[in-house]
């Protein structure tokens, strides 16, 4: 079983982005028979990005999920027909992509294995990076680079434009290996202002899923009620 998970804190701007992200996840899940789970970040002892590590670890402890696909709340599923299961390969437990700066942890597919649980635990303990600009991503990158418990053999690097695409025009950059196209599964908007992210996420959500205002409103109300 694969489950898609994301999380959001109490910040209104991130809630606005998360509503768009969650809508795409629910529509994709229903279309492709994939489960999902939305988490709420209530702990404020660390920057919010760190809590993806805790939520992944908690999902694995439930012993219900074989794979977890993590999607940051400033990303959305763009290709409704892509089968996430097609990425899975024998002997590979962790699936990531690189952007123009290196490894990006905004979209990750984790297999529920003991080595991955240990890896998540080690990332969580990497407190020297608590306030690093890349937070948990820096800890993960360092552990991959040092081949922590043989992670490099279990890691599958997926082309960015397929797994974690950007619209690089928004960054005034030309990076064709990661540039969004019609086959891109997930579209991500890291490092942009809230206004730009919201505008672009709304634009691409409508392009991919054509939601009516009523459907979006109902989805937001349902998520507010669950909170």
Protein backbone atom coordinates (compact mmCIF):
# COMPACT_ATOMS: atom_id res chain seq x y z
CA UNK A 1 0.00 0.00 0.00
CA UNK A 2 1.16 3.52 -0.84
CA UNK A 3 0.03 6.55 1.13
CA UNK A 4 0.53 10.18 0.17
CA UNK A 5 1.14 12.51 3.10
CA UNK A 6 1.62 16.21 3.63
CA UNK A 7 1.42 18.59 6.58
CA UNK A 8 0.74 22.21 7.43
CA UNK A 9 1.10 24.44 10.48
CA UNK A 10 -1.29 27.13 11.77
CA UNK A 11 0.07 29.83 9.47
CA UNK A 12 -2.71 31.19 7.27
CA UNK A 13 -0.46 31.57 4.19
CA UNK A 14 0.64 27.94 4.42
CA UNK A 15 -2.94 26.82 4.99
CA UNK A 16 -3.88 28.53 1.73
CA UNK A 17 -1.17 26.64 -0.12
CA UNK A 18 -1.96 23.39 1.68
CA UNK A 19 -5.60 23.60 0.59
CA UNK A 20 -4.48 23.58 -3.04
CA UNK A 21 -1.96 20.80 -2.43
CA UNK A 22 -4.53 18.66 -0.60
CA UNK A 23 -7.12 19.11 -3.34
CA UNK A 24 -4.72 17.69 -5.93
CA UNK A 25 -3.78 14.81 -3.60
CA UNK A 26 -7.40 13.85 -2.95
CA UNK A 27 -8.31 13.96 -6.62
CA UNK A 28 -5.28 11.89 -7.59
CA UNK A 29 -5.88 9.43 -4.77
CA UNK A 30 -9.48 8.85 -5.74
CA UNK A 31 -8.58 8.51 -9.40
CA UNK A 32 -5.74 6.04 -8.83
CA UNK A 33 -6.75 4.15 -5.68
CA UNK A 34 -4.03 5.72 -3.51
CA UNK A 35 -4.56 6.50 0.19
CA UNK A 36 -3.67 9.86 1.72
CA UNK A 37 -3.18 11.40 5.14
CA UNK A 38 -2.97 15.07 6.11
CA UNK A 39 -1.10 16.06 9.26
CA UNK A 40 -1.23 19.17 11.41
CA UNK A 41 1.98 20.69 12.76
CA UNK A 42 1.23 21.82 16.30
CA UNK A 43 4.70 21.54 17.84
CA UNK A 44 6.72 24.74 17.50
CA UNK A 45 10.01 23.62 19.04
CA UNK A 46 11.52 23.15 15.56
CA UNK A 47 11.02 24.88 12.21
CA UNK A 48 7.97 23.33 10.48
CA UNK A 49 9.95 21.57 7.74
CA UNK A 50 11.47 19.19 10.29
CA UNK A 51 8.15 17.58 11.15
CA UNK A 52 7.94 15.69 7.87
CA UNK A 53 10.56 13.38 9.41
CA UNK A 54 8.40 12.75 12.46
CA UNK A 55 5.25 12.16 10.39
CA UNK A 56 6.98 9.69 8.09
CA UNK A 57 8.29 7.81 11.11
CA UNK A 58 4.83 7.74 12.70
CA UNK A 59 3.26 6.42 9.52
CA UNK A 60 5.75 3.56 9.44
CA UNK A 61 5.02 2.63 13.04
CA UNK A 62 1.37 2.01 12.14
CA UNK A 63 2.52 -0.95 9.98
CA UNK A 64 -0.27 -0.19 7.50
CA UNK A 65 1.78 1.46 4.78
CA UNK A 66 4.50 -0.09 2.63
CA UNK A 67 5.46 3.19 0.94
CA UNK A 68 4.92 6.83 1.89
CA UNK A 69 5.03 9.60 -0.69
CA UNK A 70 5.80 12.88 1.03
CA UNK A 71 4.74 16.11 -0.74
CA UNK A 72 5.50 19.55 0.68
CA UNK A 73 2.46 21.79 1.04
CA UNK A 74 3.82 24.18 -1.61
CA UNK A 75 3.63 21.48 -4.28
CA UNK A 76 0.79 19.78 -6.13
CA UNK A 77 0.15 16.70 -8.22
CA UNK A 78 0.10 17.84 -11.83
CA UNK A 79 -0.10 14.66 -13.94
CA UNK A 80 -3.30 12.87 -12.96
CA UNK A 81 -2.47 9.80 -15.07
CA UNK A 82 1.00 9.07 -13.73
CA UNK A 83 1.19 5.84 -11.72
CA UNK A 84 3.47 6.40 -8.72
CA UNK A 85 3.78 2.62 -8.41
CA UNK A 86 5.70 2.54 -11.70
CA UNK A 87 8.71 4.10 -9.96
CA UNK A 88 9.22 1.24 -7.53
CA UNK A 89 12.24 -0.96 -8.26
CA UNK A 90 13.60 -4.06 -6.51
CA UNK A 91 16.23 -3.21 -3.92
CA UNK A 92 15.38 0.50 -3.84
CA UNK A 93 13.97 1.95 -0.62
CA UNK A 94 14.22 5.71 -1.08
CA UNK A 95 13.33 7.77 -4.15
CA UNK A 96 14.46 11.39 -4.53
CA UNK A 97 15.33 13.92 -7.18
CA UNK A 98 17.90 16.71 -7.47
CA UNK A 99 17.18 20.29 -8.41
CA UNK A 100 19.74 22.80 -9.68
CA UNK A 101 21.20 23.04 -6.15
CA UNK A 102 21.33 19.33 -5.34
CA UNK A 103 19.08 16.93 -3.46
CA UNK A 104 15.59 18.27 -2.74
CA UNK A 105 13.48 16.77 0.06
CA UNK A 106 10.21 18.44 -0.88
CA UNK A 107 9.01 15.30 -2.67
CA UNK A 108 10.20 11.90 -1.45
CA UNK A 109 9.04 8.30 -1.70
CA UNK A 110 10.08 6.15 1.28
CA UNK A 111 9.70 2.42 1.70
CA UNK A 112 8.80 1.17 5.18
CA UNK A 113 12.01 -0.67 6.08
CA UNK A 114 14.19 -0.91 9.17
CA UNK A 115 17.12 0.89 7.49
CA UNK A 116 14.82 3.74 6.52
CA UNK A 117 13.47 3.99 10.05
CA UNK A 118 17.04 4.27 11.29
CA UNK A 119 17.75 6.89 8.64
CA UNK A 120 14.73 8.94 9.69
CA UNK A 121 15.81 8.66 13.34
CA UNK A 122 19.31 9.85 12.47
CA UNK A 123 17.94 12.81 10.49
CA UNK A 124 15.78 13.79 13.47
CA UNK A 125 18.82 13.68 15.74
CA UNK A 126 20.84 15.97 13.46
CA UNK A 127 20.08 18.95 15.66
CA UNK A 128 23.08 20.95 14.46
CA UNK A 129 20.99 21.67 11.38
CA UNK A 130 17.84 22.76 13.23
CA UNK A 131 18.13 26.30 11.90
CA UNK A 132 20.13 25.65 8.76
CA UNK A 133 18.44 27.28 5.71
CA UNK A 134 17.75 23.79 4.33
CA UNK A 135 16.80 22.21 7.69
CA UNK A 136 16.13 18.46 7.43
CA UNK A 137 17.18 18.47 3.78
CA UNK A 138 20.73 19.37 4.80
CA UNK A 139 20.80 16.48 7.29
CA UNK A 140 19.51 14.04 4.69
CA UNK A 141 21.98 15.29 2.08
CA UNK A 142 24.89 14.81 4.48
CA UNK A 143 23.79 11.28 5.37
CA UNK A 144 23.42 10.34 1.72
CA UNK A 145 26.85 11.80 0.94
CA UNK A 146 28.42 9.79 3.79
CA UNK A 147 26.57 6.64 2.62
CA UNK A 148 24.92 6.15 6.02
CA UNK A 149 24.24 2.41 6.41
CA UNK A 150 24.64 1.87 2.67
CA UNK A 151 21.90 4.30 1.66
CA UNK A 152 23.48 5.01 -1.71
CA UNK A 153 22.78 1.47 -2.90
CA UNK A 154 19.15 1.74 -1.79
CA UNK A 155 18.59 5.20 -3.23
CA UNK A 156 16.93 5.73 -6.60
CA UNK A 157 17.44 9.18 -8.10
CA UNK A 158 14.48 10.12 -10.31
CA UNK A 159 14.71 12.82 -13.00
CA UNK A 160 13.51 16.07 -11.51
CA UNK A 161 11.17 17.00 -14.35
CA UNK A 162 9.27 13.76 -13.73
CA UNK A 163 9.13 13.61 -9.94
CA UNK A 164 9.62 17.10 -8.52
CA UNK A 165 9.44 19.59 -11.38
CA UNK A 166 9.77 23.37 -11.15
CA UNK A 167 8.72 26.10 -13.51
CA UNK A 168 12.24 27.48 -13.66
CA UNK A 169 11.05 30.64 -15.43
CA UNK A 170 9.75 31.73 -12.02
CA UNK A 171 13.36 31.62 -10.79
CA UNK A 172 14.80 33.32 -13.89
CA UNK A 173 16.75 30.15 -14.59
CA UNK A 174 17.09 27.72 -17.48
CA UNK A 175 17.41 24.17 -16.14
CA UNK A 176 15.92 21.76 -18.63
CA UNK A 177 16.48 18.58 -16.50
CA UNK A 178 13.96 19.90 -13.99
CA UNK A 179 11.67 22.03 -16.12
CA UNK A 180 7.97 21.23 -15.93
CA UNK A 181 6.42 19.56 -18.95
CA UNK A 182 3.14 17.76 -19.65
CA UNK A 183 4.47 14.49 -18.19
CA UNK A 184 5.63 15.92 -14.85
CA UNK A 185 4.02 14.11 -11.92
CA UNK A 186 4.51 16.73 -9.20
CA UNK A 187 5.08 20.46 -9.55
CA UNK A 188 6.87 22.23 -6.69
CA UNK A 189 7.31 25.94 -5.86
CA UNK A 190 10.04 26.22 -3.19
CA UNK A 191 11.70 29.47 -2.22
CA UNK A 192 9.19 31.83 -3.82
CA UNK A 193 7.12 34.52 -2.15
CA UNK A 194 3.73 33.48 -0.83
CA UNK A 195 1.93 35.62 -3.40
CA UNK A 196 3.78 34.01 -6.30
CA UNK A 197 3.35 30.49 -4.94
CA UNK A 198 -0.37 30.93 -4.39
CA UNK A 199 -0.91 32.47 -7.80
CA UNK A 200 1.07 29.80 -9.62
CA UNK A 201 -0.37 26.91 -7.64
CA UNK A 202 -3.89 28.11 -8.40
CA UNK A 203 -3.02 28.46 -12.09
CA UNK A 204 -1.51 25.00 -12.42
CA UNK A 205 -4.18 23.35 -10.26
CA UNK A 206 -6.83 24.66 -12.65
CA UNK A 207 -4.77 23.54 -15.63
CA UNK A 208 -4.36 20.01 -14.25
CA UNK A 209 -7.65 19.39 -12.44
CA UNK A 210 -10.15 22.03 -13.64
CA UNK A 211 -11.80 22.39 -10.23
CA UNK A 212 -14.95 24.44 -9.99
CA UNK A 213 -15.04 27.17 -7.34
CA UNK A 214 -17.69 25.14 -5.50
CA UNK A 215 -15.52 22.01 -5.36
CA UNK A 216 -12.57 23.99 -4.06
CA UNK A 217 -14.74 25.70 -1.46
CA UNK A 218 -16.20 22.40 -0.26
CA UNK A 219 -12.73 20.87 -0.04
CA UNK A 220 -11.53 23.82 2.08
CA UNK A 221 -14.54 23.57 4.38
CA UNK A 222 -14.00 19.85 4.89
CA UNK A 223 -10.35 20.41 5.78
CA UNK A 224 -11.19 23.26 8.15
CA UNK A 225 -13.74 21.04 9.89
CA UNK A 226 -11.16 18.26 10.31
CA UNK A 227 -8.80 20.71 12.01
